[in-house]
Amino acid sequence: MDKINLCEIGKRIQLRRKQKGLTQEQIAEAMNVSIQMVSNLERGNKAIRIDNLVSISKILDISTDYILTGKETLRDIDLLMSQISQLSDKDRGMVEVIVEYCLHNK
């Protein structure tokens, strides 16, 4: 089994928080923890407790698997597909172009 890297977990939490347009303060308030605790998680200074893992995954709308391992689950992919399906035809076309670009420029 791969060793869990706290810094990588923190980076995934921070990235998703920023994608959602949330501040550390908003996350801390929603979790009923201190801003310092959220900051420590994002910097990889502290391991995340199970109850906080579940809480932050709900707030950020990502799976605990993704937070811990960086691997998306079917739920994560379904959510992304749902979000893409809500885009206009023009915006969906832009997503397709970006995906094609990424696939061909690995």
PDB file of N, CA and C in Angstrom:
ATOM      1  N   MET A   1       0.839  -1.181   0.000  1.00  0.00           N
ATOM      2  CA  MET A   1       0.000   0.000   0.000  1.00  0.00           C
ATOM      3  C   MET A   1       0.883   1.244   0.000  1.00  0.00           C
ATOM      4  N   ASP A   2       0.481   2.242  -0.796  1.00  0.00           N
ATOM      5  CA  ASP A   2       1.250   3.471  -0.877  1.00  0.00           C
ATOM      6  C   ASP A   2       1.206   4.225   0.442  1.00  0.00           C
ATOM      7  N   LYS A   3       2.323   4.862   0.764  1.00  0.00           N
ATOM      8  CA  LYS A   3       2.386   5.686   1.968  1.00  0.00           C
ATOM      9  C   LYS A   3       1.566   6.961   1.732  1.00  0.00           C
ATOM     10  N   ILE A   4       0.775   7.327   2.709  1.00  0.00           N
ATOM     11  CA  ILE A   4      -0.034   8.538   2.598  1.00  0.00           C
ATOM     12  C   ILE A   4       0.863   9.741   2.842  1.00  0.00           C
ATOM     13  N   ASN A   5       0.850  10.680   1.907  1.00  0.00           N
ATOM     14  CA  ASN A   5       1.677  11.867   1.971  1.00  0.00           C
ATOM     15  C   ASN A   5       0.810  13.050   2.406  1.00  0.00           C
ATOM     16  N   LEU A   6       1.057  13.565   3.607  1.00  0.00           N
ATOM     17  CA  LEU A   6       0.243  14.649   4.153  1.00  0.00           C
ATOM     18  C   LEU A   6       0.321  15.918   3.308  1.00  0.00           C
ATOM     19  N   CYS A   7       1.475  16.200   2.735  1.00  0.00           N
ATOM     20  CA  CYS A   7       1.601  17.395   1.888  1.00  0.00           C
ATOM     21  C   CYS A   7       0.744  17.273   0.635  1.00  0.00           C
ATOM     22  N   GLU A   8       0.707  16.083   0.046  1.00  0.00           N
ATOM     23  CA  GLU A   8      -0.120  15.870  -1.145  1.00  0.00           C
ATOM     24  C   GLU A   8      -1.603  15.967  -0.795  1.00  0.00           C
ATOM     25  N   ILE A   9      -1.982  15.435   0.351  1.00  0.00           N
ATOM     26  CA  ILE A   9      -3.374  15.560   0.810  1.00  0.00           C
ATOM     27  C   ILE A   9      -3.718  17.040   0.959  1.00  0.00           C
ATOM     28  N   GLY A  10      -2.835  17.781   1.592  1.00  0.00           N
ATOM     29  CA  GLY A  10      -3.053  19.214   1.789  1.00  0.00           C
ATOM     30  C   GLY A  10      -3.181  19.966   0.479  1.00  0.00           C
ATOM     31  N   LYS A  11      -2.353  19.621  -0.495  1.00  0.00           N
ATOM     32  CA  LYS A  11      -2.428  20.282  -1.805  1.00  0.00           C
ATOM     33  C   LYS A  11      -3.769  20.020  -2.477  1.00  0.00           C
ATOM     34  N   ARG A  12      -4.257  18.767  -2.357  1.00  0.00           N
ATOM     35  CA  ARG A  12      -5.555  18.445  -2.971  1.00  0.00           C
ATOM     36  C   ARG A  12      -6.686  19.209  -2.283  1.00  0.00           C
ATOM     37  N   ILE A  13      -6.617  19.320  -0.969  1.00  0.00           N
ATOM     38  CA  ILE A  13      -7.636  20.069  -0.232  1.00  0.00           C
ATOM     39  C   ILE A  13      -7.597  21.541  -0.643  1.00  0.00           C
ATOM     40  N   GLN A  14      -6.404  22.112  -0.670  1.00  0.00           N
ATOM     41  CA  GLN A  14      -6.268  23.522  -1.019  1.00  0.00           C
ATOM     42  C   GLN A  14      -6.732  23.791  -2.450  1.00  0.00           C
ATOM     43  N   LEU A  15      -6.345  22.940  -3.381  1.00  0.00           N
ATOM     44  CA  LEU A  15      -6.739  23.117  -4.776  1.00  0.00           C
ATOM     45  C   LEU A  15      -8.258  23.096  -4.913  1.00  0.00           C
ATOM     46  N   ARG A  16      -8.891  22.106  -4.295  1.00  0.00           N
ATOM     47  CA  ARG A  16     -10.343  21.997  -4.396  1.00  0.00           C
ATOM     48  C   ARG A  16     -11.039  23.173  -3.701  1.00  0.00           C
ATOM     49  N   ARG A  17     -10.497  23.608  -2.560  1.00  0.00           N
ATOM     50  CA  ARG A  17     -11.063  24.767  -1.865  1.00  0.00           C
ATOM     51  C   ARG A  17     -11.045  25.980  -2.779  1.00  0.00           C
ATOM     52  N   LYS A  18      -9.921  26.200  -3.442  1.00  0.00           N
ATOM     53  CA  LYS A  18      -9.795  27.344  -4.346  1.00  0.00           C
ATOM     54  C   LYS A  18     -10.701  27.188  -5.566  1.00  0.00           C
ATOM     55  N   GLN A  19     -10.824  25.961  -6.082  1.00  0.00           N
ATOM     56  CA  GLN A  19     -11.729  25.720  -7.205  1.00  0.00           C
ATOM     57  C   GLN A  19     -13.167  26.079  -6.843  1.00  0.00           C
ATOM     58  N   LYS A  20     -13.520  25.825  -5.601  1.00  0.00           N
ATOM     59  CA  LYS A  20     -14.876  26.123  -5.128  1.00  0.00           C
ATOM     60  C   LYS A  20     -15.034  27.588  -4.711  1.00  0.00           C
ATOM     61  N   GLY A  21     -13.933  28.354  -4.736  1.00  0.00           N
ATOM     62  CA  GLY A  21     -13.989  29.764  -4.385  1.00  0.00           C
ATOM     63  C   GLY A  21     -14.201  30.013  -2.900  1.00  0.00           C
ATOM     64  N   LEU A  22     -13.701  29.092  -2.084  1.00  0.00           N
ATOM     65  CA  LEU A  22     -13.875  29.197  -0.630  1.00  0.00           C
ATOM     66  C   LEU A  22     -12.570  29.620   0.036  1.00  0.00           C
ATOM     67  N   THR A  23     -12.710  30.321   1.156  1.00  0.00           N
ATOM     68  CA  THR A  23     -11.543  30.699   1.953  1.00  0.00           C
ATOM     69  C   THR A  23     -11.310  29.660   3.045  1.00  0.00           C
ATOM     70  N   GLN A  24     -10.124  29.692   3.620  1.00  0.00           N
ATOM     71  CA  GLN A  24      -9.848  28.822   4.762  1.00  0.00           C
ATOM     72  C   GLN A  24     -10.816  29.129   5.891  1.00  0.00           C
ATOM     73  N   GLU A  25     -11.149  30.392   6.058  1.00  0.00           N
ATOM     74  CA  GLU A  25     -12.074  30.779   7.115  1.00  0.00           C
ATOM     75  C   GLU A  25     -13.454  30.151   6.902  1.00  0.00           C
ATOM     76  N   GLN A  26     -13.930  30.149   5.662  1.00  0.00           N
ATOM     77  CA  GLN A  26     -15.234  29.548   5.371  1.00  0.00           C
ATOM     78  C   GLN A  26     -15.224  28.040   5.633  1.00  0.00           C
ATOM     79  N   ILE A  27     -14.125  27.396   5.263  1.00  0.00           N
ATOM     80  CA  ILE A  27     -14.004  25.951   5.502  1.00  0.00           C
ATOM     81  C   ILE A  27     -13.983  25.688   7.012  1.00  0.00           C
ATOM     82  N   ALA A  28     -13.183  26.459   7.723  1.00  0.00           N
ATOM     83  CA  ALA A  28     -13.074  26.285   9.184  1.00  0.00           C
ATOM     84  C   ALA A  28     -14.433  26.471   9.853  1.00  0.00           C
ATOM     85  N   GLU A  29     -15.159  27.490   9.428  1.00  0.00           N
ATOM     86  CA  GLU A  29     -16.476  27.749  10.013  1.00  0.00           C
ATOM     87  C   GLU A  29     -17.433  26.587   9.734  1.00  0.00           C
ATOM     88  N   ALA A  30     -17.434  26.110   8.490  1.00  0.00           N
ATOM     89  CA  ALA A  30     -18.324  25.008   8.124  1.00  0.00           C
ATOM     90  C   ALA A  30     -17.980  23.717   8.868  1.00  0.00           C
ATOM     91  N   MET A  31     -16.687  23.539   9.169  1.00  0.00           N
ATOM     92  CA  MET A  31     -16.235  22.338   9.875  1.00  0.00           C
ATOM     93  C   MET A  31     -16.279  22.505  11.388  1.00  0.00           C
ATOM     94  N   ASN A  32     -16.482  23.759  11.840  1.00  0.00           N
ATOM     95  CA  ASN A  32     -16.460  24.072  13.271  1.00  0.00           C
ATOM     96  C   ASN A  32     -15.081  23.784  13.880  1.00  0.00           C
ATOM     97  N   VAL A  33     -14.046  24.236  13.152  1.00  0.00           N
ATOM     98  CA  VAL A  33     -12.658  24.117  13.610  1.00  0.00           C
ATOM     99  C   VAL A  33     -11.983  25.479  13.426  1.00  0.00           C
ATOM    100  N   SER A  34     -10.740  25.585  13.864  1.00  0.00           N
ATOM    101  CA  SER A  34     -10.013  26.849  13.722  1.00  0.00           C
ATOM    102  C   SER A  34      -9.448  26.986  12.308  1.00  0.00           C
ATOM    103  N   ILE A  35      -9.216  28.233  11.923  1.00  0.00           N
ATOM    104  CA  ILE A  35      -8.569  28.505  10.637  1.00  0.00           C
ATOM    105  C   ILE A  35      -7.177  27.882  10.642  1.00  0.00           C
ATOM    106  N   GLN A  36      -6.512  27.929  11.793  1.00  0.00           N
ATOM    107  CA  GLN A  36      -5.176  27.349  11.918  1.00  0.00           C
ATOM    108  C   GLN A  36      -5.186  25.863  11.593  1.00  0.00           C
ATOM    109  N   MET A  37      -6.241  25.162  12.007  1.00  0.00           N
ATOM    110  CA  MET A  37      -6.339  23.732  11.721  1.00  0.00           C
ATOM    111  C   MET A  37      -6.444  23.497  10.214  1.00  0.00           C
ATOM    112  N   VAL A  38      -7.249  24.293   9.537  1.00  0.00           N
ATOM    113  CA  VAL A  38      -7.389  24.168   8.084  1.00  0.00           C
ATOM    114  C   VAL A  38      -6.052  24.483   7.412  1.00  0.00           C
ATOM    115  N   SER A  39      -5.397  25.517   7.890  1.00  0.00           N
ATOM    116  CA  SER A  39      -4.087  25.893   7.351  1.00  0.00           C
ATOM    117  C   SER A  39      -3.080  24.758   7.534  1.00  0.00           C
ATOM    118  N   ASN A  40      -3.063  24.156   8.715  1.00  0.00           N
ATOM    119  CA  ASN A  40      -2.152  23.038   8.984  1.00  0.00           C
ATOM    120  C   ASN A  40      -2.445  21.846   8.067  1.00  0.00           C
ATOM    121  N   LEU A  41      -3.727  21.579   7.818  1.00  0.00           N
ATOM    122  CA  LEU A  41      -4.083  20.491   6.904  1.00  0.00           C
ATOM    123  C   LEU A  41      -3.554  20.776   5.501  1.00  0.00           C
ATOM    124  N   GLU A  42      -3.783  21.992   5.024  1.00  0.00           N
ATOM    125  CA  GLU A  42      -3.368  22.351   3.667  1.00  0.00           C
ATOM    126  C   GLU A  42      -1.852  22.340   3.496  1.00  0.00           C
ATOM    127  N   ARG A  43      -1.128  22.632   4.548  1.00  0.00           N
ATOM    128  CA  ARG A  43       0.336  22.616   4.475  1.00  0.00           C
ATOM    129  C   ARG A  43       0.923  21.243   4.765  1.00  0.00           C
ATOM    130  N   GLY A  44       0.068  20.301   5.144  1.00  0.00           N
ATOM    131  CA  GLY A  44       0.548  18.950   5.437  1.00  0.00           C
ATOM    132  C   GLY A  44       1.225  18.844   6.785  1.00  0.00           C
ATOM    133  N   ASN A  45       0.942  19.787   7.674  1.00  0.00           N
ATOM    134  CA  ASN A  45       1.560  19.778   8.998  1.00  0.00           C
ATOM    135  C   ASN A  45       0.869  18.842   9.980  1.00  0.00           C
ATOM    136  N   LYS A  46      -0.372  18.506   9.692  1.00  0.00           N
ATOM    137  CA  LYS A  46      -1.140  17.652  10.609  1.00  0.00           C
ATOM    138  C   LYS A  46      -1.904  16.611   9.807  1.00  0.00           C
ATOM    139  N   ALA A  47      -2.025  15.435  10.387  1.00  0.00           N
ATOM    140  CA  ALA A  47      -2.865  14.402   9.787  1.00  0.00           C
ATOM    141  C   ALA A  47      -4.322  14.775  10.026  1.00  0.00           C
ATOM    142  N   ILE A  48      -5.173  14.369   9.115  1.00  0.00           N
ATOM    143  CA  ILE A  48      -6.586  14.699   9.234  1.00  0.00           C
ATOM    144  C   ILE A  48      -7.321  13.592   9.980  1.00  0.00           C
ATOM    145  N   ARG A  49      -8.137  13.987  10.934  1.00  0.00           N
ATOM    146  CA  ARG A  49      -8.956  13.014  11.664  1.00  0.00           C
ATOM    147  C   ARG A  49     -10.074  12.525  10.753  1.00  0.00           C
ATOM    148  N   ILE A  50     -10.554  11.340  11.012  1.00  0.00           N
ATOM    149  CA  ILE A  50     -11.582  10.749  10.163  1.00  0.00           C
ATOM    150  C   ILE A  50     -12.833  11.612  10.110  1.00  0.00           C
ATOM    151  N   ASP A  51     -13.285  12.119  11.246  1.00  0.00           N
ATOM    152  CA  ASP A  51     -14.494  12.946  11.226  1.00  0.00           C
ATOM    153  C   ASP A  51     -14.284  14.226  10.427  1.00  0.00           C
ATOM    154  N   ASN A  52     -13.092  14.808  10.487  1.00  0.00           N
ATOM    155  CA  ASN A  52     -12.794  15.998   9.694  1.00  0.00           C
ATOM    156  C   ASN A  52     -12.651  15.659   8.213  1.00  0.00           C
ATOM    157  N   LEU A  53     -12.125  14.492   7.902  1.00  0.00           N
ATOM    158  CA  LEU A  53     -12.015  14.037   6.519  1.00  0.00           C
ATOM    159  C   LEU A  53     -13.398  13.941   5.888  1.00  0.00           C
ATOM    160  N   VAL A  54     -14.321  13.326   6.592  1.00  0.00           N
ATOM    161  CA  VAL A  54     -15.686  13.179   6.092  1.00  0.00           C
ATOM    162  C   VAL A  54     -16.325  14.554   5.925  1.00  0.00           C
ATOM    163  N   SER A  55     -16.142  15.410   6.914  1.00  0.00           N
ATOM    164  CA  SER A  55     -16.727  16.748   6.873  1.00  0.00           C
ATOM    165  C   SER A  55     -16.196  17.566   5.697  1.00  0.00           C
ATOM    166  N   ILE A  56     -14.883  17.591   5.527  1.00  0.00           N
ATOM    167  CA  ILE A  56     -14.299  18.417   4.462  1.00  0.00           C
ATOM    168  C   ILE A  56     -14.630  17.845   3.080  1.00  0.00           C
ATOM    169  N   SER A  57     -14.768  16.535   2.979  1.00  0.00           N
ATOM    170  CA  SER A  57     -15.129  15.952   1.677  1.00  0.00           C
ATOM    171  C   SER A  57     -16.543  16.375   1.283  1.00  0.00           C
ATOM    172  N   LYS A  58     -17.438  16.483   2.248  1.00  0.00           N
ATOM    173  CA  LYS A  58     -18.804  16.947   1.967  1.00  0.00           C
ATOM    174  C   LYS A  58     -18.802  18.423   1.591  1.00  0.00           C
ATOM    175  N   ILE A  59     -18.056  19.217   2.329  1.00  0.00           N
ATOM    176  CA  ILE A  59     -17.999  20.663   2.066  1.00  0.00           C
ATOM    177  C   ILE A  59     -17.406  20.937   0.686  1.00  0.00           C
ATOM    178  N   LEU A  60     -16.344  20.207   0.338  1.00  0.00           N
ATOM    179  CA  LEU A  60     -15.668  20.424  -0.936  1.00  0.00           C
ATOM    180  C   LEU A  60     -16.278  19.608  -2.074  1.00  0.00           C
ATOM    181  N   ASP A  61     -17.224  18.748  -1.740  1.00  0.00           N
ATOM    182  CA  ASP A  61     -17.923  17.914  -2.714  1.00  0.00           C
ATOM    183  C   ASP A  61     -16.947  17.053  -3.531  1.00  0.00           C
ATOM    184  N   ILE A  62     -16.037  16.386  -2.797  1.00  0.00           N
ATOM    185  CA  ILE A  62     -15.119  15.420  -3.398  1.00  0.00           C
ATOM    186  C   ILE A  62     -15.066  14.195  -2.496  1.00  0.00           C
ATOM    187  N   SER A  63     -14.626  13.099  -3.047  1.00  0.00           N
ATOM    188  CA  SER A  63     -14.590  11.863  -2.263  1.00  0.00           C
ATOM    189  C   SER A  63     -13.406  11.852  -1.295  1.00  0.00           C
ATOM    190  N   THR A  64     -13.577  11.101  -0.240  1.00  0.00           N
ATOM    191  CA  THR A  64     -12.467  10.916   0.703  1.00  0.00           C
ATOM    192  C   THR A  64     -11.325  10.174   0.011  1.00  0.00           C
ATOM    193  N   ASP A  65     -11.654   9.283  -0.919  1.00  0.00           N
ATOM    194  CA  ASP A  65     -10.621   8.589  -1.690  1.00  0.00           C
ATOM    195  C   ASP A  65      -9.727   9.588  -2.416  1.00  0.00           C
ATOM    196  N   TYR A  66     -10.356  10.577  -3.059  1.00  0.00           N
ATOM    197  CA  TYR A  66      -9.571  11.555  -3.793  1.00  0.00           C
ATOM    198  C   TYR A  66      -8.689  12.365  -2.844  1.00  0.00           C
ATOM    199  N   ILE A  67      -9.230  12.777  -1.726  1.00  0.00           N
ATOM    200  CA  ILE A  67      -8.433  13.549  -0.759  1.00  0.00           C
ATOM    201  C   ILE A  67      -7.218  12.741  -0.320  1.00  0.00           C
ATOM    202  N   LEU A  68      -7.426  11.476   0.012  1.00  0.00           N
ATOM    203  CA  LEU A  68      -6.343  10.647   0.548  1.00  0.00           C
ATOM    204  C   LEU A  68      -5.372  10.142  -0.509  1.00  0.00           C
ATOM    205  N   THR A  69      -5.874   9.767  -1.676  1.00  0.00           N
ATOM    206  CA  THR A  69      -5.018   9.106  -2.664  1.00  0.00           C
ATOM    207  C   THR A  69      -4.811   9.877  -3.961  1.00  0.00           C
ATOM    208  N   GLY A  70      -5.669  10.843  -4.214  1.00  0.00           N
ATOM    209  CA  GLY A  70      -5.583  11.576  -5.474  1.00  0.00           C
ATOM    210  C   GLY A  70      -6.254  10.854  -6.622  1.00  0.00           C
ATOM    211  N   LYS A  71      -6.906   9.730  -6.341  1.00  0.00           N
ATOM    212  CA  LYS A  71      -7.575   8.952  -7.391  1.00  0.00           C
ATOM    213  C   LYS A  71      -9.076   9.225  -7.341  1.00  0.00           C
ATOM    214  N   GLU A  72      -9.613   9.608  -8.512  1.00  0.00           N
ATOM    215  CA  GLU A  72     -11.041   9.888  -8.581  1.00  0.00           C
ATOM    216  C   GLU A  72     -11.842   8.601  -8.494  1.00  0.00           C
ATOM    217  N   THR A  73     -13.027   8.725  -7.943  1.00  0.00           N
ATOM    218  CA  THR A  73     -13.963   7.608  -7.895  1.00  0.00           C
ATOM    219  C   THR A  73     -15.028   7.832  -8.962  1.00  0.00           C
ATOM    220  N   LEU A  74     -15.882   6.854  -9.165  1.00  0.00           N
ATOM    221  CA  LEU A  74     -16.983   7.024 -10.107  1.00  0.00           C
ATOM    222  C   LEU A  74     -17.866   8.198  -9.694  1.00  0.00           C
ATOM    223  N   ARG A  75     -18.018   8.406  -8.390  1.00  0.00           N
ATOM    224  CA  ARG A  75     -18.815   9.536  -7.904  1.00  0.00           C
ATOM    225  C   ARG A  75     -18.204  10.856  -8.357  1.00  0.00           C
ATOM    226  N   ASP A  76     -16.887  10.977  -8.261  1.00  0.00           N
ATOM    227  CA  ASP A  76     -16.207  12.204  -8.697  1.00  0.00           C
ATOM    228  C   ASP A  76     -16.421  12.430 -10.187  1.00  0.00           C
ATOM    229  N   ILE A  77     -16.294  11.363 -10.957  1.00  0.00           N
ATOM    230  CA  ILE A  77     -16.449  11.468 -12.407  1.00  0.00           C
ATOM    231  C   ILE A  77     -17.893  11.791 -12.767  1.00  0.00           C
ATOM    232  N   ASP A  78     -18.844  11.174 -12.073  1.00  0.00           N
ATOM    233  CA  ASP A  78     -20.264  11.467 -12.309  1.00  0.00           C
ATOM    234  C   ASP A  78     -20.571  12.933 -12.014  1.00  0.00           C
ATOM    235  N   LEU A  79     -20.000  13.456 -10.938  1.00  0.00           N
ATOM    236  CA  LEU A  79     -20.219  14.859 -10.597  1.00  0.00           C
ATOM    237  C   LEU A  79     -19.670  15.760 -11.695  1.00  0.00           C
ATOM    238  N   LEU A  80     -18.479  15.469 -12.171  1.00  0.00           N
ATOM    239  CA  LEU A  80     -17.883  16.257 -13.244  1.00  0.00           C
ATOM    240  C   LEU A  80     -18.743  16.189 -14.501  1.00  0.00           C
ATOM    241  N   MET A  81     -19.204  15.002 -14.843  1.00  0.00           N
ATOM    242  CA  MET A  81     -20.057  14.846 -16.022  1.00  0.00           C
ATOM    243  C   MET A  81     -21.350  15.646 -15.864  1.00  0.00           C
ATOM    244  N   SER A  82     -21.911  15.636 -14.672  1.00  0.00           N
ATOM    245  CA  SER A  82     -23.126  16.396 -14.401  1.00  0.00           C
ATOM    246  C   SER A  82     -22.879  17.890 -14.587  1.00  0.00           C
ATOM    247  N   GLN A  83     -21.738  18.355 -14.112  1.00  0.00           N
ATOM    248  CA  GLN A  83     -21.409  19.773 -14.240  1.00  0.00           C
ATOM    249  C   GLN A  83     -21.196  20.140 -15.703  1.00  0.00           C
ATOM    250  N   ILE A  84     -20.511  19.299 -16.443  1.00  0.00           N
ATOM    251  CA  ILE A  84     -20.269  19.562 -17.865  1.00  0.00           C
ATOM    252  C   ILE A  84     -21.585  19.585 -18.634  1.00  0.00           C
ATOM    253  N   SER A  85     -22.506  18.687 -18.281  1.00  0.00           N
ATOM    254  CA  SER A  85     -23.793  18.621 -18.999  1.00  0.00           C
ATOM    255  C   SER A  85     -24.622  19.890 -18.792  1.00  0.00           C
ATOM    256  N   GLN A  86     -24.332  20.656 -17.757  1.00  0.00           N
ATOM    257  CA  GLN A  86     -25.073  21.887 -17.494  1.00  0.00           C
ATOM    258  C   GLN A  86     -24.526  23.087 -18.272  1.00  0.00           C
ATOM    259  N   LEU A  87     -23.388  22.902 -18.937  1.00  0.00           N
ATOM    260  CA  LEU A  87     -22.785  23.991 -19.693  1.00  0.00           C
ATOM    261  C   LEU A  87     -23.523  24.216 -21.003  1.00  0.00           C
ATOM    262  N   SER A  88     -23.352  25.417 -21.533  1.00  0.00           N
ATOM    263  CA  SER A  88     -23.903  25.710 -22.860  1.00  0.00           C
ATOM    264  C   SER A  88     -23.124  24.896 -23.900  1.00  0.00           C
ATOM    265  N   ASP A  89     -23.680  24.775 -25.084  1.00  0.00           N
ATOM    266  CA  ASP A  89     -22.994  24.035 -26.151  1.00  0.00           C
ATOM    267  C   ASP A  89     -21.622  24.636 -26.432  1.00  0.00           C
ATOM    268  N   LYS A  90     -21.533  25.942 -26.438  1.00  0.00           N
ATOM    269  CA  LYS A  90     -20.253  26.623 -26.687  1.00  0.00           C
ATOM    270  C   LYS A  90     -19.232  26.265 -25.610  1.00  0.00           C
ATOM    271  N   ASP A  91     -19.643  26.356 -24.338  1.00  0.00           N
ATOM    272  CA  ASP A  91     -18.722  26.057 -23.242  1.00  0.00           C
ATOM    273  C   ASP A  91     -18.333  24.577 -23.224  1.00  0.00           C
ATOM    274  N   ARG A  92     -19.292  23.707 -23.526  1.00  0.00           N
ATOM    275  CA  ARG A  92     -18.992  22.271 -23.590  1.00  0.00           C
ATOM    276  C   ARG A  92     -17.970  22.003 -24.695  1.00  0.00           C
ATOM    277  N   GLY A  93     -18.097  22.720 -25.803  1.00  0.00           N
ATOM    278  CA  GLY A  93     -17.116  22.600 -26.885  1.00  0.00           C
ATOM    279  C   GLY A  93     -15.728  23.020 -26.439  1.00  0.00           C
ATOM    280  N   MET A  94     -15.656  24.060 -25.605  1.00  0.00           N
ATOM    281  CA  MET A  94     -14.360  24.516 -25.088  1.00  0.00           C
ATOM    282  C   MET A  94     -13.747  23.445 -24.188  1.00  0.00           C
ATOM    283  N   VAL A  95     -14.585  22.795 -23.384  1.00  0.00           N
ATOM    284  CA  VAL A  95     -14.092  21.714 -22.517  1.00  0.00           C
ATOM    285  C   VAL A  95     -13.534  20.581 -23.381  1.00  0.00           C
ATOM    286  N   GLU A  96     -14.230  20.238 -24.440  1.00  0.00           N
ATOM    287  CA  GLU A  96     -13.765  19.179 -25.340  1.00  0.00           C
ATOM    288  C   GLU A  96     -12.409  19.524 -25.941  1.00  0.00           C
ATOM    289  N   VAL A  97     -12.229  20.779 -26.339  1.00  0.00           N
ATOM    290  CA  VAL A  97     -10.951  21.220 -26.914  1.00  0.00           C
ATOM    291  C   VAL A  97      -9.840  21.090 -25.876  1.00  0.00           C
ATOM    292  N   ILE A  98     -10.121  21.490 -24.645  1.00  0.00           N
ATOM    293  CA  ILE A  98      -9.119  21.409 -23.577  1.00  0.00           C
ATOM    294  C   ILE A  98      -8.745  19.946 -23.308  1.00  0.00           C
ATOM    295  N   VAL A  99      -9.744  19.076 -23.252  1.00  0.00           N
ATOM    296  CA  VAL A  99      -9.488  17.651 -23.019  1.00  0.00           C
ATOM    297  C   VAL A  99      -8.636  17.083 -24.148  1.00  0.00           C
ATOM    298  N   GLU A 100      -8.987  17.384 -25.370  1.00  0.00           N
ATOM    299  CA  GLU A 100      -8.200  16.905 -26.512  1.00  0.00           C
ATOM    300  C   GLU A 100      -6.765  17.400 -26.438  1.00  0.00           C
ATOM    301  N   TYR A 101      -6.593  18.662 -26.112  1.00  0.00           N
ATOM    302  CA  TYR A 101      -5.261  19.228 -25.983  1.00  0.00           C
ATOM    303  C   TYR A 101      -4.450  18.481 -24.917  1.00  0.00           C
ATOM    304  N   CYS A 102      -5.067  18.265 -23.767  1.00  0.00           N
ATOM    305  CA  CYS A 102      -4.375  17.579 -22.680  1.00  0.00           C
ATOM    306  C   CYS A 102      -4.019  16.142 -23.032  1.00  0.00           C
ATOM    307  N   LEU A 103      -4.905  15.460 -23.722  1.00  0.00           N
ATOM    308  CA  LEU A 103      -4.644  14.077 -24.115  1.00  0.00           C
ATOM    309  C   LEU A 103      -3.481  13.965 -25.102  1.00  0.00           C
ATOM    310  N   HIS A 104      -3.348  14.944 -25.950  1.00  0.00           N
ATOM    311  CA  HIS A 104      -2.303  14.882 -26.980  1.00  0.00           C
ATOM    312  C   HIS A 104      -0.999  15.536 -26.554  1.00  0.00           C
ATOM    313  N   ASN A 105      -0.957  16.131 -25.400  1.00  0.00           N
ATOM    314  CA  ASN A 105       0.251  16.817 -24.924  1.00  0.00           C
ATOM    315  C   ASN A 105       0.680  16.317 -23.563  1.00  0.00           C
ATOM    316  N   LYS A 106       0.640  15.003 -23.392  1.00  0.00           N
ATOM    317  CA  LYS A 106       1.040  14.402 -22.117  1.00  0.00           C
ATOM    318  C   LYS A 106       2.532  14.463 -21.937  1.00  0.00           C
TER     319      LYS A 106
END
